[in-house]
Amino acid sequence: MALELTDANFQSTVLESDKPVLVDFWAEWCGPCRMVGPIVEALAEDFEGRAVVGKVNVDEHQSIAMQFGIRNIPTLLVFKNGEIIDKQVGVASKEALAQKLEAAL
């Protein structure tokens, strides 16, 4: 299951992670976000133990979204060693997102 990322745990879970991290920036009211949601959950299972997969609700945690310049959702960022190494804006297939995570391993 994808982790819920918040102001309280983003630093330790994402920026200080020793594993690659996929972060899904989403909102409840966003139709395309609901399409990506099940894909993100599946990736969390597929990459369990190898990578971290989490979600940031941009309505509840606007400061995180602003910190990374998120203007459109869904936006998915791949972090490695606390740095953004890849980005996907809009809906993408599970295969495309899995390739981005694999490349970060």
N, C-alpha and C. Protein backbone atom coordinates (compact mmCIF):
# COMPACT_ATOMS: atom_id res chain seq x y z
N MET A 1 0.84 -1.19 0.00
CA MET A 1 0.00 0.00 0.00
C MET A 1 0.88 1.25 0.00
N ALA A 2 0.51 2.21 -0.79
CA ALA A 2 1.28 3.46 -0.86
C ALA A 2 1.16 4.20 0.47
N LEU A 3 2.26 4.81 0.89
CA LEU A 3 2.29 5.55 2.14
C LEU A 3 1.63 6.90 1.98
N GLU A 4 0.96 7.36 3.03
CA GLU A 4 0.43 8.72 3.02
C GLU A 4 1.54 9.64 3.48
N LEU A 5 1.95 10.52 2.59
CA LEU A 5 3.04 11.44 2.92
C LEU A 5 2.45 12.77 3.39
N THR A 6 3.02 13.27 4.48
CA THR A 6 2.50 14.49 5.11
C THR A 6 3.65 15.45 5.40
N ASP A 7 3.30 16.64 5.87
CA ASP A 7 4.33 17.59 6.28
C ASP A 7 5.24 16.97 7.34
N ALA A 8 4.67 16.12 8.18
CA ALA A 8 5.42 15.54 9.30
C ALA A 8 6.41 14.46 8.87
N ASN A 9 6.08 13.69 7.82
CA ASN A 9 6.95 12.56 7.48
C ASN A 9 7.65 12.67 6.13
N PHE A 10 7.41 13.73 5.36
CA PHE A 10 7.98 13.83 4.02
C PHE A 10 9.50 13.83 4.04
N GLN A 11 10.09 14.64 4.91
CA GLN A 11 11.55 14.73 4.99
C GLN A 11 12.19 13.36 5.23
N SER A 12 11.72 12.67 6.27
CA SER A 12 12.34 11.38 6.63
C SER A 12 12.00 10.28 5.64
N THR A 13 10.78 10.26 5.14
CA THR A 13 10.35 9.17 4.26
C THR A 13 10.87 9.32 2.84
N VAL A 14 10.92 10.55 2.34
CA VAL A 14 11.29 10.77 0.94
C VAL A 14 12.72 11.28 0.80
N LEU A 15 13.01 12.42 1.40
CA LEU A 15 14.29 13.08 1.17
C LEU A 15 15.46 12.36 1.84
N GLU A 16 15.20 11.63 2.92
CA GLU A 16 16.28 10.92 3.62
C GLU A 16 16.26 9.41 3.35
N SER A 17 15.44 8.97 2.41
CA SER A 17 15.32 7.54 2.12
C SER A 17 16.59 7.01 1.45
N ASP A 18 16.98 5.79 1.81
CA ASP A 18 18.11 5.15 1.15
C ASP A 18 17.66 4.36 -0.08
N LYS A 19 16.35 4.38 -0.35
CA LYS A 19 15.79 3.72 -1.53
C LYS A 19 15.17 4.77 -2.44
N PRO A 20 15.01 4.46 -3.72
CA PRO A 20 14.28 5.37 -4.60
C PRO A 20 12.85 5.55 -4.10
N VAL A 21 12.27 6.72 -4.36
CA VAL A 21 10.91 7.01 -3.89
C VAL A 21 10.08 7.57 -5.04
N LEU A 22 8.88 7.00 -5.22
CA LEU A 22 7.91 7.52 -6.18
C LEU A 22 6.85 8.26 -5.37
N VAL A 23 6.64 9.54 -5.68
CA VAL A 23 5.65 10.34 -4.97
C VAL A 23 4.56 10.78 -5.94
N ASP A 24 3.33 10.44 -5.60
CA ASP A 24 2.15 10.81 -6.39
C ASP A 24 1.49 12.02 -5.72
N PHE A 25 1.50 13.16 -6.42
CA PHE A 25 0.80 14.35 -5.94
C PHE A 25 -0.60 14.31 -6.53
N TRP A 26 -1.63 14.30 -5.67
CA TRP A 26 -3.00 14.08 -6.10
C TRP A 26 -3.98 14.88 -5.25
N ALA A 27 -5.26 14.83 -5.65
CA ALA A 27 -6.34 15.41 -4.86
C ALA A 27 -7.60 14.58 -5.06
N GLU A 28 -8.45 14.62 -4.06
CA GLU A 28 -9.71 13.85 -4.05
C GLU A 28 -10.58 14.16 -5.27
N TRP A 29 -10.66 15.44 -5.66
CA TRP A 29 -11.57 15.90 -6.71
C TRP A 29 -11.03 15.71 -8.13
N CYS A 30 -9.82 15.22 -8.25
CA CYS A 30 -9.12 15.13 -9.54
C CYS A 30 -9.42 13.79 -10.22
N GLY A 31 -10.15 13.84 -11.34
CA GLY A 31 -10.49 12.62 -12.08
C GLY A 31 -9.28 11.83 -12.54
N PRO A 32 -8.33 12.45 -13.23
CA PRO A 32 -7.13 11.72 -13.67
C PRO A 32 -6.35 11.11 -12.49
N CYS A 33 -6.39 11.78 -11.33
CA CYS A 33 -5.72 11.24 -10.14
C CYS A 33 -6.34 9.91 -9.74
N ARG A 34 -7.66 9.81 -9.88
CA ARG A 34 -8.35 8.56 -9.53
C ARG A 34 -7.98 7.45 -10.50
N MET A 35 -7.60 7.81 -11.73
CA MET A 35 -7.14 6.80 -12.69
C MET A 35 -5.74 6.30 -12.32
N VAL A 36 -4.91 7.20 -11.84
CA VAL A 36 -3.53 6.85 -11.49
C VAL A 36 -3.46 6.12 -10.14
N GLY A 37 -4.40 6.40 -9.24
CA GLY A 37 -4.37 5.84 -7.90
C GLY A 37 -4.15 4.34 -7.83
N PRO A 38 -4.95 3.53 -8.56
CA PRO A 38 -4.76 2.08 -8.51
C PRO A 38 -3.39 1.64 -9.06
N ILE A 39 -2.89 2.38 -10.03
CA ILE A 39 -1.56 2.07 -10.59
C ILE A 39 -0.49 2.29 -9.52
N VAL A 40 -0.60 3.40 -8.80
CA VAL A 40 0.36 3.71 -7.73
C VAL A 40 0.30 2.64 -6.64
N GLU A 41 -0.91 2.21 -6.29
CA GLU A 41 -1.06 1.15 -5.27
C GLU A 41 -0.41 -0.15 -5.75
N ALA A 42 -0.60 -0.49 -7.02
CA ALA A 42 0.00 -1.71 -7.58
C ALA A 42 1.53 -1.62 -7.57
N LEU A 43 2.06 -0.44 -7.91
CA LEU A 43 3.51 -0.26 -7.89
C LEU A 43 4.05 -0.38 -6.47
N ALA A 44 3.29 0.09 -5.49
CA ALA A 44 3.72 -0.02 -4.09
C ALA A 44 3.92 -1.50 -3.73
N GLU A 45 3.02 -2.35 -4.20
CA GLU A 45 3.15 -3.80 -3.95
C GLU A 45 4.32 -4.37 -4.74
N ASP A 46 4.40 -4.04 -6.03
CA ASP A 46 5.43 -4.60 -6.90
C ASP A 46 6.85 -4.26 -6.43
N PHE A 47 7.02 -3.06 -5.87
CA PHE A 47 8.36 -2.59 -5.50
C PHE A 47 8.61 -2.65 -4.00
N GLU A 48 7.72 -3.33 -3.27
CA GLU A 48 7.87 -3.42 -1.82
C GLU A 48 9.25 -3.96 -1.45
N GLY A 49 9.93 -3.24 -0.55
CA GLY A 49 11.27 -3.65 -0.12
C GLY A 49 12.38 -3.10 -1.00
N ARG A 50 12.05 -2.69 -2.23
CA ARG A 50 13.07 -2.17 -3.14
C ARG A 50 12.98 -0.67 -3.32
N ALA A 51 11.76 -0.12 -3.19
CA ALA A 51 11.53 1.31 -3.36
C ALA A 51 10.37 1.72 -2.46
N VAL A 52 10.27 3.01 -2.22
CA VAL A 52 9.18 3.57 -1.42
C VAL A 52 8.19 4.23 -2.37
N VAL A 53 6.91 3.98 -2.15
CA VAL A 53 5.87 4.59 -2.97
C VAL A 53 4.89 5.30 -2.04
N GLY A 54 4.68 6.59 -2.31
CA GLY A 54 3.81 7.36 -1.43
C GLY A 54 2.98 8.37 -2.19
N LYS A 55 2.00 8.95 -1.47
CA LYS A 55 1.06 9.90 -2.07
C LYS A 55 0.97 11.14 -1.20
N VAL A 56 0.93 12.31 -1.85
CA VAL A 56 0.74 13.58 -1.16
C VAL A 56 -0.59 14.17 -1.63
N ASN A 57 -1.52 14.37 -0.70
CA ASN A 57 -2.77 15.05 -1.01
C ASN A 57 -2.46 16.55 -1.04
N VAL A 58 -2.53 17.14 -2.23
CA VAL A 58 -2.10 18.54 -2.37
C VAL A 58 -3.04 19.52 -1.67
N ASP A 59 -4.28 19.13 -1.43
CA ASP A 59 -5.20 20.00 -0.71
C ASP A 59 -4.83 20.06 0.78
N GLU A 60 -4.37 18.94 1.32
CA GLU A 60 -4.04 18.87 2.74
C GLU A 60 -2.61 19.29 3.03
N HIS A 61 -1.73 19.18 2.05
CA HIS A 61 -0.30 19.46 2.27
C HIS A 61 0.22 20.37 1.16
N GLN A 62 -0.34 21.57 1.10
CA GLN A 62 0.01 22.51 0.04
C GLN A 62 1.47 22.94 0.09
N SER A 63 2.06 22.97 1.27
CA SER A 63 3.45 23.42 1.37
C SER A 63 4.40 22.46 0.65
N ILE A 64 4.11 21.16 0.69
CA ILE A 64 4.96 20.20 -0.03
C ILE A 64 4.80 20.41 -1.53
N ALA A 65 3.56 20.56 -1.98
CA ALA A 65 3.32 20.79 -3.41
C ALA A 65 4.02 22.06 -3.88
N MET A 66 3.95 23.12 -3.07
CA MET A 66 4.61 24.38 -3.45
C MET A 66 6.12 24.22 -3.47
N GLN A 67 6.66 23.46 -2.51
CA GLN A 67 8.12 23.26 -2.43
C GLN A 67 8.66 22.66 -3.73
N PHE A 68 7.87 21.81 -4.39
CA PHE A 68 8.34 21.14 -5.60
C PHE A 68 7.68 21.69 -6.87
N GLY A 69 7.01 22.83 -6.74
CA GLY A 69 6.46 23.51 -7.91
C GLY A 69 5.37 22.73 -8.62
N ILE A 70 4.57 22.00 -7.86
CA ILE A 70 3.49 21.21 -8.47
C ILE A 70 2.36 22.14 -8.88
N ARG A 71 2.10 22.22 -10.19
CA ARG A 71 1.04 23.08 -10.69
C ARG A 71 -0.11 22.28 -11.29
N ASN A 72 0.19 21.08 -11.75
CA ASN A 72 -0.82 20.21 -12.36
C ASN A 72 -0.80 18.87 -11.63
N ILE A 73 -1.98 18.28 -11.50
CA ILE A 73 -2.04 16.95 -10.89
C ILE A 73 -2.83 16.03 -11.81
N PRO A 74 -2.53 14.75 -11.82
CA PRO A 74 -1.47 14.14 -11.03
C PRO A 74 -0.08 14.48 -11.57
N THR A 75 0.84 14.67 -10.64
CA THR A 75 2.26 14.75 -10.97
C THR A 75 2.95 13.69 -10.13
N LEU A 76 3.80 12.91 -10.77
CA LEU A 76 4.55 11.87 -10.06
C LEU A 76 6.03 12.19 -10.18
N LEU A 77 6.70 12.25 -9.03
CA LEU A 77 8.14 12.53 -9.00
C LEU A 77 8.88 11.30 -8.50
N VAL A 78 10.03 11.03 -9.10
CA VAL A 78 10.91 9.97 -8.62
C VAL A 78 12.11 10.63 -7.96
N PHE A 79 12.34 10.28 -6.70
CA PHE A 79 13.47 10.81 -5.94
C PHE A 79 14.51 9.72 -5.74
N LYS A 80 15.75 10.13 -5.74
CA LYS A 80 16.86 9.24 -5.36
C LYS A 80 17.86 10.10 -4.61
N ASN A 81 18.24 9.64 -3.43
CA ASN A 81 19.16 10.40 -2.58
C ASN A 81 18.67 11.83 -2.34
N GLY A 82 17.36 11.98 -2.18
CA GLY A 82 16.78 13.27 -1.86
C GLY A 82 16.64 14.23 -3.04
N GLU A 83 17.01 13.77 -4.25
CA GLU A 83 16.94 14.62 -5.43
C GLU A 83 15.90 14.07 -6.41
N ILE A 84 15.21 14.97 -7.12
CA ILE A 84 14.27 14.54 -8.15
C ILE A 84 15.07 14.08 -9.36
N ILE A 85 14.84 12.84 -9.79
CA ILE A 85 15.56 12.32 -10.96
C ILE A 85 14.64 12.06 -12.14
N ASP A 86 13.32 12.05 -11.90
CA ASP A 86 12.38 11.84 -13.00
C ASP A 86 11.03 12.44 -12.62
N LYS A 87 10.22 12.72 -13.64
CA LYS A 87 8.94 13.39 -13.42
C LYS A 87 7.94 12.93 -14.46
N GLN A 88 6.70 12.75 -14.04
CA GLN A 88 5.60 12.44 -14.96
C GLN A 88 4.42 13.33 -14.59
N VAL A 89 3.98 14.15 -15.53
CA VAL A 89 2.80 14.98 -15.30
C VAL A 89 1.66 14.37 -16.09
N GLY A 90 0.55 14.10 -15.42
CA GLY A 90 -0.60 13.49 -16.08
C GLY A 90 -0.59 11.98 -15.95
N VAL A 91 -1.60 11.38 -16.52
CA VAL A 91 -1.78 9.93 -16.43
C VAL A 91 -0.71 9.22 -17.24
N ALA A 92 -0.20 8.13 -16.67
CA ALA A 92 0.78 7.28 -17.37
C ALA A 92 0.45 5.83 -17.06
N SER A 93 0.91 4.95 -17.91
CA SER A 93 0.65 3.52 -17.70
C SER A 93 1.51 2.98 -16.55
N LYS A 94 1.07 1.86 -16.03
CA LYS A 94 1.83 1.20 -14.96
C LYS A 94 3.23 0.86 -15.47
N GLU A 95 3.32 0.41 -16.72
CA GLU A 95 4.61 0.02 -17.29
C GLU A 95 5.55 1.22 -17.36
N ALA A 96 5.02 2.37 -17.79
CA ALA A 96 5.87 3.57 -17.90
C ALA A 96 6.39 4.00 -16.54
N LEU A 97 5.53 3.97 -15.53
CA LEU A 97 5.95 4.37 -14.19
C LEU A 97 6.90 3.34 -13.59
N ALA A 98 6.66 2.07 -13.85
CA ALA A 98 7.56 1.02 -13.35
C ALA A 98 8.95 1.18 -13.95
N GLN A 99 9.03 1.56 -15.23
CA GLN A 99 10.33 1.78 -15.87
C GLN A 99 11.09 2.91 -15.19
N LYS A 100 10.37 3.97 -14.82
CA LYS A 100 11.02 5.09 -14.14
C LYS A 100 11.58 4.65 -12.80
N LEU A 101 10.83 3.82 -12.06
CA LEU A 101 11.31 3.34 -10.76
C LEU A 101 12.47 2.37 -10.95
N GLU A 102 12.35 1.46 -11.91
CA GLU A 102 13.43 0.50 -12.18
C GLU A 102 14.73 1.22 -12.49
N ALA A 103 14.64 2.30 -13.28
CA ALA A 103 15.83 3.05 -13.66
C ALA A 103 16.51 3.69 -12.45
N ALA A 104 15.73 3.91 -11.40
CA ALA A 104 16.27 4.55 -10.21
C ALA A 104 16.90 3.55 -9.24
N LEU A 105 16.65 2.28 -9.44
CA LEU A 105 17.16 1.25 -8.50
C LEU A 105 18.66 1.05 -8.62
